[in-house]
Amino acid sequence: MKKLALLILMLLTMGYTYSQNTRTAETAKPPRPQYQAAKKEKKSLFGFLKKEKSSELKTSEEERLAFRKRVSQAYKENAKVEYKSQKIKKKEAKKGEKFHGHKRPPKKRPPGKQKFCKICKIKH
């Protein structure tokens, strides 16, 4: 029995010492970035129907100018839409204040003939 226990203990220690260590002390290096000056286009069956795009390299100043132009156009379009929406909101706010939810101002009746309004919950 002692021999069997000793044999199992030796096998376990040998397996433990010769087993592969998966942890490494060094950290893995990230791959180097790959830069591409011009995008390569794949050839297709109907490639002759497409218009060719100019793949000229631009200077940084030209890129900046093109970017500013795109941004300013988008800003102008957004500003127009925003202005219109603000105008509509102002109109709606004025309507609500003046007429208490009515489209037109309610009729002013004498105190004896006033009726309770379900819309604005006021007698008029």
C-alpha atoms as a PDB file:
ATOM      1  CA  MET A   1       0.000   0.000   0.000  1.00  0.00           C
ATOM      2  CA  LYS A   2       2.857   2.311   0.852  1.00  0.00           C
ATOM      3  CA  LYS A   3       4.483   1.594  -2.498  1.00  0.00           C
ATOM      4  CA  LEU A   4       1.296   2.406  -4.385  1.00  0.00           C
ATOM      5  CA  ALA A   5       0.837   5.717  -2.538  1.00  0.00           C
ATOM      6  CA  LEU A   6       4.495   6.591  -3.137  1.00  0.00           C
ATOM      7  CA  LEU A   7       4.145   5.797  -6.870  1.00  0.00           C
ATOM      8  CA  ILE A   8       1.014   7.972  -7.215  1.00  0.00           C
ATOM      9  CA  LEU A   9       2.713  10.807  -5.328  1.00  0.00           C
ATOM     10  CA  MET A  10       5.783  10.621  -7.620  1.00  0.00           C
ATOM     11  CA  LEU A  11       3.637  10.598 -10.753  1.00  0.00           C
ATOM     12  CA  LEU A  12       1.665  13.614  -9.566  1.00  0.00           C
ATOM     13  CA  THR A  13       4.821  15.590  -8.742  1.00  0.00           C
ATOM     14  CA  MET A  14       6.400  14.724 -12.107  1.00  0.00           C
ATOM     15  CA  GLY A  15       3.212  15.740 -13.929  1.00  0.00           C
ATOM     16  CA  TYR A  16       3.095  18.982 -11.997  1.00  0.00           C
ATOM     17  CA  THR A  17       6.744  19.876 -12.720  1.00  0.00           C
ATOM     18  CA  TYR A  18       6.639  18.984 -16.425  1.00  0.00           C
ATOM     19  CA  SER A  19       3.234  20.440 -17.158  1.00  0.00           C
ATOM     20  CA  GLN A  20       3.030  23.397 -19.504  1.00  0.00           C
ATOM     21  CA  ASN A  21       2.850  26.841 -17.961  1.00  0.00           C
ATOM     22  CA  THR A  22       0.256  28.922 -19.829  1.00  0.00           C
ATOM     23  CA  ARG A  23       1.099  32.199 -18.157  1.00  0.00           C
ATOM     24  CA  THR A  24       3.889  34.303 -19.597  1.00  0.00           C
ATOM     25  CA  ALA A  25       5.686  37.099 -17.823  1.00  0.00           C
ATOM     26  CA  GLU A  26       5.859  39.269 -20.958  1.00  0.00           C
ATOM     27  CA  THR A  27       2.789  41.072 -22.245  1.00  0.00           C
ATOM     28  CA  ALA A  28       1.799  40.451 -25.838  1.00  0.00           C
ATOM     29  CA  LYS A  29       2.693  43.275 -28.203  1.00  0.00           C
ATOM     30  CA  PRO A  30      -0.196  44.768 -30.187  1.00  0.00           C
ATOM     31  CA  PRO A  31       0.060  44.498 -33.981  1.00  0.00           C
ATOM     32  CA  ARG A  32       1.549  47.428 -35.848  1.00  0.00           C
ATOM     33  CA  PRO A  33      -0.972  49.776 -37.460  1.00  0.00           C
ATOM     34  CA  GLN A  34      -1.307  49.416 -41.197  1.00  0.00           C
ATOM     35  CA  TYR A  35      -1.877  52.640 -43.068  1.00  0.00           C
ATOM     36  CA  GLN A  36      -3.386  52.785 -46.498  1.00  0.00           C
ATOM     37  CA  ALA A  37      -2.819  55.853 -48.693  1.00  0.00           C
ATOM     38  CA  ALA A  38      -5.415  55.020 -51.344  1.00  0.00           C
ATOM     39  CA  LYS A  39      -8.199  52.489 -51.092  1.00  0.00           C
ATOM     40  CA  LYS A  40      -7.915  49.613 -53.534  1.00  0.00           C
ATOM     41  CA  GLU A  41     -11.124  48.671 -55.263  1.00  0.00           C
ATOM     42  CA  LYS A  42     -12.016  45.110 -56.125  1.00  0.00           C
ATOM     43  CA  LYS A  43     -12.646  44.307 -59.758  1.00  0.00           C
ATOM     44  CA  SER A  44     -16.197  43.263 -60.464  1.00  0.00           C
ATOM     45  CA  LEU A  45     -18.112  41.926 -63.412  1.00  0.00           C
ATOM     46  CA  PHE A  46     -19.956  45.202 -64.064  1.00  0.00           C
ATOM     47  CA  GLY A  47     -17.077  47.475 -63.085  1.00  0.00           C
ATOM     48  CA  PHE A  48     -17.127  49.317 -66.397  1.00  0.00           C
ATOM     49  CA  LEU A  49     -20.545  50.803 -65.533  1.00  0.00           C
ATOM     50  CA  LYS A  50     -19.261  52.597 -62.434  1.00  0.00           C
ATOM     51  CA  LYS A  51     -17.747  56.056 -62.622  1.00  0.00           C
ATOM     52  CA  GLU A  52     -14.126  56.271 -61.612  1.00  0.00           C
ATOM     53  CA  LYS A  53     -13.387  58.175 -58.446  1.00  0.00           C
ATOM     54  CA  SER A  54     -10.281  60.290 -58.305  1.00  0.00           C
ATOM     55  CA  SER A  55      -7.925  58.862 -55.706  1.00  0.00           C
ATOM     56  CA  GLU A  56      -5.629  61.860 -55.509  1.00  0.00           C
ATOM     57  CA  LEU A  57      -3.840  62.459 -52.265  1.00  0.00           C
ATOM     58  CA  LYS A  58      -4.711  65.800 -50.681  1.00  0.00           C
ATOM     59  CA  THR A  59      -2.609  67.953 -48.420  1.00  0.00           C
ATOM     60  CA  SER A  60      -3.677  68.475 -44.842  1.00  0.00           C
ATOM     61  CA  GLU A  61      -4.763  72.057 -45.617  1.00  0.00           C
ATOM     62  CA  GLU A  62      -7.045  70.890 -48.436  1.00  0.00           C
ATOM     63  CA  GLU A  63      -8.513  68.224 -46.138  1.00  0.00           C
ATOM     64  CA  ARG A  64      -9.182  70.836 -43.439  1.00  0.00           C
ATOM     65  CA  LEU A  65     -10.881  73.164 -45.921  1.00  0.00           C
ATOM     66  CA  ALA A  66     -13.066  70.370 -47.267  1.00  0.00           C
ATOM     67  CA  PHE A  67     -14.013  69.337 -43.727  1.00  0.00           C
ATOM     68  CA  ARG A  68     -14.890  72.913 -42.712  1.00  0.00           C
ATOM     69  CA  LYS A  69     -17.021  73.288 -45.826  1.00  0.00           C
ATOM     70  CA  ARG A  70     -18.965  70.092 -45.057  1.00  0.00           C
ATOM     71  CA  VAL A  71     -19.453  71.065 -41.422  1.00  0.00           C
ATOM     72  CA  SER A  72     -20.587  74.597 -42.240  1.00  0.00           C
ATOM     73  CA  GLN A  73     -23.160  73.294 -44.748  1.00  0.00           C
ATOM     74  CA  ALA A  74     -24.521  70.825 -42.216  1.00  0.00           C
ATOM     75  CA  TYR A  75     -24.611  73.547 -39.560  1.00  0.00           C
ATOM     76  CA  LYS A  76     -26.583  75.888 -41.835  1.00  0.00           C
ATOM     77  CA  GLU A  77     -29.128  73.200 -42.674  1.00  0.00           C
ATOM     78  CA  ASN A  78     -29.550  72.276 -39.014  1.00  0.00           C
ATOM     79  CA  ALA A  79     -29.868  75.935 -38.049  1.00  0.00           C
ATOM     80  CA  LYS A  80     -32.693  76.438 -40.573  1.00  0.00           C
ATOM     81  CA  VAL A  81     -34.604  73.445 -39.274  1.00  0.00           C
ATOM     82  CA  GLU A  82     -34.039  74.533 -35.669  1.00  0.00           C
ATOM     83  CA  TYR A  83     -35.201  78.072 -36.422  1.00  0.00           C
ATOM     84  CA  LYS A  84     -38.418  76.807 -38.015  1.00  0.00           C
ATOM     85  CA  SER A  85     -39.162  74.465 -35.134  1.00  0.00           C
ATOM     86  CA  GLN A  86     -38.557  77.248 -32.588  1.00  0.00           C
ATOM     87  CA  LYS A  87     -40.893  79.530 -34.527  1.00  0.00           C
ATOM     88  CA  ILE A  88     -43.658  76.913 -34.465  1.00  0.00           C
ATOM     89  CA  LYS A  89     -43.149  76.327 -30.730  1.00  0.00           C
ATOM     90  CA  LYS A  90     -43.435  80.056 -30.027  1.00  0.00           C
ATOM     91  CA  LYS A  91     -46.694  80.246 -31.977  1.00  0.00           C
ATOM     92  CA  GLU A  92     -48.141  77.284 -30.093  1.00  0.00           C
ATOM     93  CA  ALA A  93     -47.075  78.742 -26.761  1.00  0.00           C
ATOM     94  CA  LYS A  94     -48.745  82.070 -27.582  1.00  0.00           C
ATOM     95  CA  LYS A  95     -51.952  80.300 -28.613  1.00  0.00           C
ATOM     96  CA  GLY A  96     -52.104  78.388 -25.368  1.00  0.00           C
ATOM     97  CA  GLU A  97     -51.568  81.489 -23.216  1.00  0.00           C
ATOM     98  CA  LYS A  98     -54.103  83.715 -24.949  1.00  0.00           C
ATOM     99  CA  PHE A  99     -57.014  81.377 -25.421  1.00  0.00           C
ATOM    100  CA  HIS A 100     -56.436  78.729 -22.710  1.00  0.00           C
ATOM    101  CA  GLY A 101     -56.381  75.845 -25.194  1.00  0.00           C
ATOM    102  CA  HIS A 102     -59.023  77.205 -27.579  1.00  0.00           C
ATOM    103  CA  LYS A 103     -58.284  77.843 -31.250  1.00  0.00           C
ATOM    104  CA  ARG A 104     -60.160  81.150 -31.128  1.00  0.00           C
ATOM    105  CA  PRO A 105     -60.914  83.326 -28.109  1.00  0.00           C
ATOM    106  CA  PRO A 106     -64.062  82.150 -26.281  1.00  0.00           C
ATOM    107  CA  LYS A 107     -67.227  84.261 -26.307  1.00  0.00           C
ATOM    108  CA  LYS A 108     -67.663  86.623 -23.395  1.00  0.00           C
ATOM    109  CA  ARG A 109     -71.179  86.198 -21.998  1.00  0.00           C
ATOM    110  CA  PRO A 110     -72.856  88.171 -19.279  1.00  0.00           C
ATOM    111  CA  PRO A 111     -72.435  86.679 -15.746  1.00  0.00           C
ATOM    112  CA  GLY A 112     -75.943  85.162 -15.712  1.00  0.00           C
ATOM    113  CA  LYS A 113     -75.483  83.297 -19.014  1.00  0.00           C
ATOM    114  CA  GLN A 114     -71.887  82.030 -18.552  1.00  0.00           C
ATOM    115  CA  LYS A 115     -71.267  78.323 -19.149  1.00  0.00           C
ATOM    116  CA  PHE A 116     -68.612  76.005 -17.701  1.00  0.00           C
ATOM    117  CA  CYS A 117     -65.986  75.170 -20.347  1.00  0.00           C
ATOM    118  CA  LYS A 118     -64.667  71.576 -20.419  1.00  0.00           C
ATOM    119  CA  ILE A 119     -61.484  72.579 -22.291  1.00  0.00           C
ATOM    120  CA  CYS A 120     -60.094  75.295 -20.032  1.00  0.00           C
ATOM    121  CA  LYS A 121     -62.227  74.544 -16.945  1.00  0.00           C
ATOM    122  CA  ILE A 122     -63.288  78.176 -16.585  1.00  0.00           C
ATOM    123  CA  LYS A 123     -66.733  79.771 -16.755  1.00  0.00           C
ATOM    124  CA  HIS A 124     -67.088  82.101 -19.726  1.00  0.00           C
END
